[in-house]
């Protein structure tokens, strides 16, 4: 089954990459862009009996490696 893990910085955590992108957008004339935050998406296939088991495996992987829970939030979707 295909699992998609969305990882983003928690509110209040500085996002220097987001600030750099925001500055670049302004330099290109996109003055209306603000509060830019950079996130990431991880797609993977897992062996699982059903969607719930796949989601749980995705959450386990996120907690173990894909997200730093001190500064990042994540959520998992199963793609059917």
PDB file of N, CA and C in Angstrom:
ATOM      1  N   UNK A   1       0.836  -1.176   0.000  1.00  0.00           N
ATOM      2  CA  UNK A   1       0.000   0.000   0.000  1.00  0.00           C
ATOM      3  C   UNK A   1       0.880   1.238   0.000  1.00  0.00           C
ATOM      4  N   UNK A   2       0.375   2.280  -0.630  1.00  0.00           N
ATOM      5  CA  UNK A   2       1.130   3.522  -0.688  1.00  0.00           C
ATOM      6  C   UNK A   2       0.752   4.398   0.504  1.00  0.00           C
ATOM      7  N   UNK A   3       1.774   4.915   1.174  1.00  0.00           N
ATOM      8  CA  UNK A   3       1.603   5.783   2.330  1.00  0.00           C
ATOM      9  C   UNK A   3       2.278   7.115   2.022  1.00  0.00           C
ATOM     10  N   UNK A   4       1.623   8.199   2.413  1.00  0.00           N
ATOM     11  CA  UNK A   4       2.178   9.540   2.220  1.00  0.00           C
ATOM     12  C   UNK A   4       2.281  10.194   3.602  1.00  0.00           C
ATOM     13  N   UNK A   5       3.503  10.637   3.941  1.00  0.00           N
ATOM     14  CA  UNK A   5       3.759  11.286   5.223  1.00  0.00           C
ATOM     15  C   UNK A   5       4.052  12.765   4.948  1.00  0.00           C
ATOM     16  N   UNK A   6       3.253  13.635   5.548  1.00  0.00           N
ATOM     17  CA  UNK A   6       3.440  15.084   5.440  1.00  0.00           C
ATOM     18  C   UNK A   6       4.154  15.558   6.703  1.00  0.00           C
ATOM     19  N   UNK A   7       5.268  16.273   6.532  1.00  0.00           N
ATOM     20  CA  UNK A   7       6.050  16.756   7.662  1.00  0.00           C
ATOM     21  C   UNK A   7       6.202  18.271   7.538  1.00  0.00           C
ATOM     22  N   UNK A   8       5.907  18.986   8.622  1.00  0.00           N
ATOM     23  CA  UNK A   8       6.049  20.442   8.610  1.00  0.00           C
ATOM     24  C   UNK A   8       6.546  20.917   9.975  1.00  0.00           C
ATOM     25  N   UNK A   9       7.164  22.095   9.963  1.00  0.00           N
ATOM     26  CA  UNK A   9       7.632  22.667  11.219  1.00  0.00           C
ATOM     27  C   UNK A   9       6.444  23.081  12.081  1.00  0.00           C
ATOM     28  N   UNK A  10       6.600  22.925  13.377  1.00  0.00           N
ATOM     29  CA  UNK A  10       5.554  23.350  14.298  1.00  0.00           C
ATOM     30  C   UNK A  10       5.452  24.871  14.284  1.00  0.00           C
ATOM     31  N   UNK A  11       4.248  25.356  14.626  1.00  0.00           N
ATOM     32  CA  UNK A  11       4.060  26.797  14.766  1.00  0.00           C
ATOM     33  C   UNK A  11       5.064  27.328  15.789  1.00  0.00           C
ATOM     34  N   UNK A  12       5.635  28.475  15.504  1.00  0.00           N
ATOM     35  CA  UNK A  12       6.586  29.086  16.428  1.00  0.00           C
ATOM     36  C   UNK A  12       8.026  28.707  16.170  1.00  0.00           C
ATOM     37  N   UNK A  13       8.259  27.676  15.371  1.00  0.00           N
ATOM     38  CA  UNK A  13       9.627  27.278  15.026  1.00  0.00           C
ATOM     39  C   UNK A  13      10.046  28.086  13.801  1.00  0.00           C
ATOM     40  N   UNK A  14      11.190  28.748  13.901  1.00  0.00           N
ATOM     41  CA  UNK A  14      11.680  29.549  12.789  1.00  0.00           C
ATOM     42  C   UNK A  14      11.936  28.671  11.568  1.00  0.00           C
ATOM     43  N   UNK A  15      11.623  29.218  10.402  1.00  0.00           N
ATOM     44  CA  UNK A  15      11.801  28.500   9.140  1.00  0.00           C
ATOM     45  C   UNK A  15      12.700  29.327   8.223  1.00  0.00           C
ATOM     46  N   UNK A  16      14.035  29.200   8.367  1.00  0.00           N
ATOM     47  CA  UNK A  16      14.935  30.008   7.549  1.00  0.00           C
ATOM     48  C   UNK A  16      14.786  29.738   6.052  1.00  0.00           C
ATOM     49  N   UNK A  17      14.493  28.523   5.683  1.00  0.00           N
ATOM     50  CA  UNK A  17      14.292  28.210   4.266  1.00  0.00           C
ATOM     51  C   UNK A  17      13.036  28.906   3.746  1.00  0.00           C
ATOM     52  N   UNK A  18      11.992  28.921   4.535  1.00  0.00           N
ATOM     53  CA  UNK A  18      10.769  29.622   4.162  1.00  0.00           C
ATOM     54  C   UNK A  18      11.008  31.111   4.006  1.00  0.00           C
ATOM     55  N   UNK A  19      11.794  31.702   4.923  1.00  0.00           N
ATOM     56  CA  UNK A  19      12.116  33.127   4.826  1.00  0.00           C
ATOM     57  C   UNK A  19      12.912  33.422   3.559  1.00  0.00           C
ATOM     58  N   UNK A  20      13.849  32.534   3.211  1.00  0.00           N
ATOM     59  CA  UNK A  20      14.642  32.735   1.993  1.00  0.00           C
ATOM     60  C   UNK A  20      13.751  32.677   0.752  1.00  0.00           C
ATOM     61  N   UNK A  21      12.821  31.748   0.724  1.00  0.00           N
ATOM     62  CA  UNK A  21      11.896  31.639  -0.413  1.00  0.00           C
ATOM     63  C   UNK A  21      10.998  32.871  -0.469  1.00  0.00           C
ATOM     64  N   UNK A  22      10.516  33.313   0.674  1.00  0.00           N
ATOM     65  CA  UNK A  22       9.669  34.511   0.711  1.00  0.00           C
ATOM     66  C   UNK A  22      10.429  35.720   0.161  1.00  0.00           C
ATOM     67  N   UNK A  23      11.677  35.881   0.592  1.00  0.00           N
ATOM     68  CA  UNK A  23      12.501  36.993   0.095  1.00  0.00           C
ATOM     69  C   UNK A  23      12.693  36.884  -1.416  1.00  0.00           C
ATOM     70  N   UNK A  24      12.967  35.678  -1.908  1.00  0.00           N
ATOM     71  CA  UNK A  24      13.155  35.475  -3.348  1.00  0.00           C
ATOM     72  C   UNK A  24      11.879  35.796  -4.120  1.00  0.00           C
ATOM     73  N   UNK A  25      10.734  35.396  -3.584  1.00  0.00           N
ATOM     74  CA  UNK A  25       9.464  35.705  -4.242  1.00  0.00           C
ATOM     75  C   UNK A  25       9.242  37.211  -4.335  1.00  0.00           C
ATOM     76  N   UNK A  26       9.560  37.915  -3.242  1.00  0.00           N
ATOM     77  CA  UNK A  26       9.430  39.376  -3.266  1.00  0.00           C
ATOM     78  C   UNK A  26      10.373  39.972  -4.303  1.00  0.00           C
ATOM     79  N   UNK A  27      11.592  39.439  -4.398  1.00  0.00           N
ATOM     80  CA  UNK A  27      12.560  39.923  -5.390  1.00  0.00           C
ATOM     81  C   UNK A  27      12.052  39.717  -6.811  1.00  0.00           C
ATOM     82  N   UNK A  28      11.229  38.714  -7.011  1.00  0.00           N
ATOM     83  CA  UNK A  28      10.669  38.425  -8.335  1.00  0.00           C
ATOM     84  C   UNK A  28       9.362  39.175  -8.590  1.00  0.00           C
ATOM     85  N   UNK A  29       8.975  40.015  -7.644  1.00  0.00           N
ATOM     86  CA  UNK A  29       7.783  40.831  -7.841  1.00  0.00           C
ATOM     87  C   UNK A  29       6.514  40.274  -7.216  1.00  0.00           C
ATOM     88  N   UNK A  30       6.599  39.199  -6.477  1.00  0.00           N
ATOM     89  CA  UNK A  30       5.428  38.607  -5.825  1.00  0.00           C
ATOM     90  C   UNK A  30       5.304  39.165  -4.407  1.00  0.00           C
ATOM     91  N   UNK A  31       4.970  40.439  -4.305  1.00  0.00           N
ATOM     92  CA  UNK A  31       4.922  41.129  -3.018  1.00  0.00           C
ATOM     93  C   UNK A  31       3.835  40.595  -2.090  1.00  0.00           C
ATOM     94  N   UNK A  32       2.813  39.974  -2.634  1.00  0.00           N
ATOM     95  CA  UNK A  32       1.720  39.475  -1.818  1.00  0.00           C
ATOM     96  C   UNK A  32       2.033  38.205  -1.045  1.00  0.00           C
ATOM     97  N   UNK A  33       3.165  37.565  -1.310  1.00  0.00           N
ATOM     98  CA  UNK A  33       3.520  36.320  -0.614  1.00  0.00           C
ATOM     99  C   UNK A  33       4.021  36.644   0.789  1.00  0.00           C
ATOM    100  N   UNK A  34       3.496  35.922   1.776  1.00  0.00           N
ATOM    101  CA  UNK A  34       3.952  36.137   3.148  1.00  0.00           C
ATOM    102  C   UNK A  34       3.807  34.849   3.945  1.00  0.00           C
ATOM    103  N   UNK A  35       4.475  34.818   5.069  1.00  0.00           N
ATOM    104  CA  UNK A  35       4.421  33.669   5.985  1.00  0.00           C
ATOM    105  C   UNK A  35       4.703  32.351   5.272  1.00  0.00           C
ATOM    106  N   UNK A  36       5.736  32.340   4.428  1.00  0.00           N
ATOM    107  CA  UNK A  36       6.091  31.145   3.659  1.00  0.00           C
ATOM    108  C   UNK A  36       6.701  30.114   4.605  1.00  0.00           C
ATOM    109  N   UNK A  37       6.199  28.891   4.541  1.00  0.00           N
ATOM    110  CA  UNK A  37       6.716  27.774   5.337  1.00  0.00           C
ATOM    111  C   UNK A  37       7.029  26.633   4.372  1.00  0.00           C
ATOM    112  N   UNK A  38       8.141  25.988   4.576  1.00  0.00           N
ATOM    113  CA  UNK A  38       8.548  24.871   3.737  1.00  0.00           C
ATOM    114  C   UNK A  38       8.235  23.573   4.484  1.00  0.00           C
ATOM    115  N   UNK A  39       7.582  22.675   3.797  1.00  0.00           N
ATOM    116  CA  UNK A  39       7.260  21.355   4.348  1.00  0.00           C
ATOM    117  C   UNK A  39       7.800  20.301   3.398  1.00  0.00           C
ATOM    118  N   UNK A  40       7.646  19.040   3.773  1.00  0.00           N
ATOM    119  CA  UNK A  40       8.062  17.977   2.861  1.00  0.00           C
ATOM    120  C   UNK A  40       7.037  16.848   2.882  1.00  0.00           C
ATOM    121  N   UNK A  41       7.033  16.112   1.792  1.00  0.00           N
ATOM    122  CA  UNK A  41       6.145  14.969   1.636  1.00  0.00           C
ATOM    123  C   UNK A  41       7.016  13.756   1.325  1.00  0.00           C
ATOM    124  N   UNK A  42       6.767  12.669   2.029  1.00  0.00           N
ATOM    125  CA  UNK A  42       7.491  11.423   1.801  1.00  0.00           C
ATOM    126  C   UNK A  42       6.477  10.374   1.357  1.00  0.00           C
ATOM    127  N   UNK A  43       6.642   9.853   0.142  1.00  0.00           N
ATOM    128  CA  UNK A  43       5.787   8.776  -0.369  1.00  0.00           C
ATOM    129  C   UNK A  43       6.546   7.468  -0.285  1.00  0.00           C
ATOM    130  N   UNK A  44       5.878   6.427   0.179  1.00  0.00           N
ATOM    131  CA  UNK A  44       6.523   5.116   0.241  1.00  0.00           C
ATOM    132  C   UNK A  44       5.481   4.018   0.174  1.00  0.00           C
ATOM    133  N   UNK A  45       5.939   2.844  -0.169  1.00  0.00           N
ATOM    134  CA  UNK A  45       5.080   1.656  -0.208  1.00  0.00           C
ATOM    135  C   UNK A  45       5.416   0.795   0.996  1.00  0.00           C
ATOM    136  N   UNK A  46       4.377   0.313   1.666  1.00  0.00           N
ATOM    137  CA  UNK A  46       4.571  -0.578   2.813  1.00  0.00           C
ATOM    138  C   UNK A  46       3.731  -1.834   2.609  1.00  0.00           C
ATOM    139  N   UNK A  47       4.230  -2.928   3.141  1.00  0.00           N
ATOM    140  CA  UNK A  47       3.455  -4.162   3.127  1.00  0.00           C
ATOM    141  C   UNK A  47       2.548  -4.138   4.344  1.00  0.00           C
ATOM    142  N   UNK A  48       1.254  -4.224   4.096  1.00  0.00           N
ATOM    143  CA  UNK A  48       0.286  -4.189   5.190  1.00  0.00           C
ATOM    144  C   UNK A  48      -0.977  -4.918   4.761  1.00  0.00           C
ATOM    145  N   UNK A  49      -1.673  -5.450   5.740  1.00  0.00           N
ATOM    146  CA  UNK A  49      -2.905  -6.201   5.502  1.00  0.00           C
ATOM    147  C   UNK A  49      -4.062  -5.306   5.082  1.00  0.00           C
ATOM    148  N   UNK A  50      -4.074  -4.065   5.605  1.00  0.00           N
ATOM    149  CA  UNK A  50      -5.182  -3.154   5.319  1.00  0.00           C
ATOM    150  C   UNK A  50      -4.711  -1.714   5.482  1.00  0.00           C
ATOM    151  N   UNK A  51      -5.589  -0.762   5.190  1.00  0.00           N
ATOM    152  CA  UNK A  51      -5.231   0.649   5.226  1.00  0.00           C
ATOM    153  C   UNK A  51      -4.841   1.107   6.633  1.00  0.00           C
ATOM    154  N   UNK A  52      -5.552   0.638   7.637  1.00  0.00           N
ATOM    155  CA  UNK A  52      -5.240   1.048   9.011  1.00  0.00           C
ATOM    156  C   UNK A  52      -3.850   0.561   9.424  1.00  0.00           C
ATOM    157  N   UNK A  53      -3.503  -0.662   9.069  1.00  0.00           N
ATOM    158  CA  UNK A  53      -2.169  -1.181   9.385  1.00  0.00           C
ATOM    159  C   UNK A  53      -1.092  -0.389   8.629  1.00  0.00           C
ATOM    160  N   UNK A  54      -1.373  -0.006   7.396  1.00  0.00           N
ATOM    161  CA  UNK A  54      -0.419   0.790   6.609  1.00  0.00           C
ATOM    162  C   UNK A  54      -0.229   2.159   7.253  1.00  0.00           C
ATOM    163  N   UNK A  55      -1.325   2.785   7.691  1.00  0.00           N
ATOM    164  CA  UNK A  55      -1.233   4.091   8.346  1.00  0.00           C
ATOM    165  C   UNK A  55      -0.415   4.002   9.627  1.00  0.00           C
ATOM    166  N   UNK A  56      -0.634   2.957  10.408  1.00  0.00           N
ATOM    167  CA  UNK A  56       0.131   2.776  11.646  1.00  0.00           C
ATOM    168  C   UNK A  56       1.616   2.591  11.365  1.00  0.00           C
ATOM    169  N   UNK A  57       1.943   1.822  10.318  1.00  0.00           N
ATOM    170  CA  UNK A  57       3.351   1.651   9.953  1.00  0.00           C
ATOM    171  C   UNK A  57       3.954   2.988   9.523  1.00  0.00           C
ATOM    172  N   UNK A  58       3.185   3.779   8.771  1.00  0.00           N
ATOM    173  CA  UNK A  58       3.655   5.096   8.369  1.00  0.00           C
ATOM    174  C   UNK A  58       3.927   5.988   9.568  1.00  0.00           C
ATOM    175  N   UNK A  59       3.046   5.939  10.562  1.00  0.00           N
ATOM    176  CA  UNK A  59       3.245   6.728  11.778  1.00  0.00           C
ATOM    177  C   UNK A  59       4.482   6.264  12.537  1.00  0.00           C
ATOM    178  N   UNK A  60       4.696   4.954  12.602  1.00  0.00           N
ATOM    179  CA  UNK A  60       5.881   4.423  13.276  1.00  0.00           C
ATOM    180  C   UNK A  60       7.152   4.905  12.586  1.00  0.00           C
ATOM    181  N   UNK A  61       7.155   4.868  11.252  1.00  0.00           N
ATOM    182  CA  UNK A  61       8.328   5.323  10.491  1.00  0.00           C
ATOM    183  C   UNK A  61       8.557   6.813  10.684  1.00  0.00           C
ATOM    184  N   UNK A  62       7.478   7.583  10.712  1.00  0.00           N
ATOM    185  CA  UNK A  62       7.613   9.027  10.914  1.00  0.00           C
ATOM    186  C   UNK A  62       8.216   9.321  12.281  1.00  0.00           C
ATOM    187  N   UNK A  63       7.725   8.644  13.307  1.00  0.00           N
ATOM    188  CA  UNK A  63       8.254   8.871  14.654  1.00  0.00           C
ATOM    189  C   UNK A  63       9.711   8.423  14.783  1.00  0.00           C
ATOM    190  N   UNK A  64      10.072   7.339  14.099  1.00  0.00           N
ATOM    191  CA  UNK A  64      11.416   6.784  14.216  1.00  0.00           C
ATOM    192  C   UNK A  64      12.454   7.559  13.406  1.00  0.00           C
ATOM    193  N   UNK A  65      12.042   8.107  12.239  1.00  0.00           N
ATOM    194  CA  UNK A  65      13.052   8.678  11.344  1.00  0.00           C
ATOM    195  C   UNK A  65      12.604   9.905  10.560  1.00  0.00           C
ATOM    196  N   UNK A  66      11.395   9.894  10.037  1.00  0.00           N
ATOM    197  CA  UNK A  66      11.011  10.892   9.041  1.00  0.00           C
ATOM    198  C   UNK A  66      10.706  12.271   9.620  1.00  0.00           C
ATOM    199  N   UNK A  67      10.360  12.353  10.896  1.00  0.00           N
ATOM    200  CA  UNK A  67      10.034  13.641  11.514  1.00  0.00           C
ATOM    201  C   UNK A  67      10.751  13.769  12.856  1.00  0.00           C
ATOM    202  N   UNK A  68      11.188  14.977  13.146  1.00  0.00           N
ATOM    203  CA  UNK A  68      11.746  15.294  14.454  1.00  0.00           C
ATOM    204  C   UNK A  68      10.606  15.901  15.264  1.00  0.00           C
ATOM    205  N   UNK A  69      10.007  15.110  16.128  1.00  0.00           N
ATOM    206  CA  UNK A  69       8.797  15.539  16.832  1.00  0.00           C
ATOM    207  C   UNK A  69       9.023  16.692  17.801  1.00  0.00           C
ATOM    208  N   UNK A  70      10.266  17.035  18.074  1.00  0.00           N
ATOM    209  CA  UNK A  70      10.539  18.190  18.924  1.00  0.00           C
ATOM    210  C   UNK A  70      10.168  19.476  18.181  1.00  0.00           C
ATOM    211  N   UNK A  71      10.464  19.529  16.881  1.00  0.00           N
ATOM    212  CA  UNK A  71      10.224  20.760  16.119  1.00  0.00           C
ATOM    213  C   UNK A  71       9.271  20.578  14.939  1.00  0.00           C
ATOM    214  N   UNK A  72       8.852  19.335  14.660  1.00  0.00           N
ATOM    215  CA  UNK A  72       8.015  19.085  13.493  1.00  0.00           C
ATOM    216  C   UNK A  72       6.739  18.339  13.865  1.00  0.00           C
ATOM    217  N   UNK A  73       5.694  18.619  13.111  1.00  0.00           N
ATOM    218  CA  UNK A  73       4.449  17.854  13.157  1.00  0.00           C
ATOM    219  C   UNK A  73       4.379  16.992  11.911  1.00  0.00           C
ATOM    220  N   UNK A  74       3.590  15.933  11.964  1.00  0.00           N
ATOM    221  CA  UNK A  74       3.389  15.113  10.776  1.00  0.00           C
ATOM    222  C   UNK A  74       2.002  14.511  10.802  1.00  0.00           C
ATOM    223  N   UNK A  75       1.549  14.130   9.627  1.00  0.00           N
ATOM    224  CA  UNK A  75       0.349  13.307   9.530  1.00  0.00           C
ATOM    225  C   UNK A  75       0.529  12.352   8.363  1.00  0.00           C
ATOM    226  N   UNK A  76      -0.197  11.265   8.414  1.00  0.00           N
ATOM    227  CA  UNK A  76      -0.026  10.164   7.474  1.00  0.00           C
ATOM    228  C   UNK A  76      -1.337   9.916   6.742  1.00  0.00           C
ATOM    229  N   UNK A  77      -1.237   9.712   5.443  1.00  0.00           N
ATOM    230  CA  UNK A  77      -2.382   9.315   4.612  1.00  0.00           C
ATOM    231  C   UNK A  77      -2.059   8.002   3.930  1.00  0.00           C
ATOM    232  N   UNK A  78      -3.064   7.186   3.754  1.00  0.00           N
ATOM    233  CA  UNK A  78      -2.929   5.983   2.934  1.00  0.00           C
ATOM    234  C   UNK A  78      -3.569   6.304   1.593  1.00  0.00           C
ATOM    235  N   UNK A  79      -2.834   6.074   0.529  1.00  0.00           N
ATOM    236  CA  UNK A  79      -3.298   6.352  -0.822  1.00  0.00           C
ATOM    237  C   UNK A  79      -3.807   5.042  -1.413  1.00  0.00           C
ATOM    238  N   UNK A  80      -5.092   5.012  -1.719  1.00  0.00           N
ATOM    239  CA  UNK A  80      -5.671   3.784  -2.273  1.00  0.00           C
ATOM    240  C   UNK A  80      -6.001   3.952  -3.745  1.00  0.00           C
TER     241      UNK A  80
END
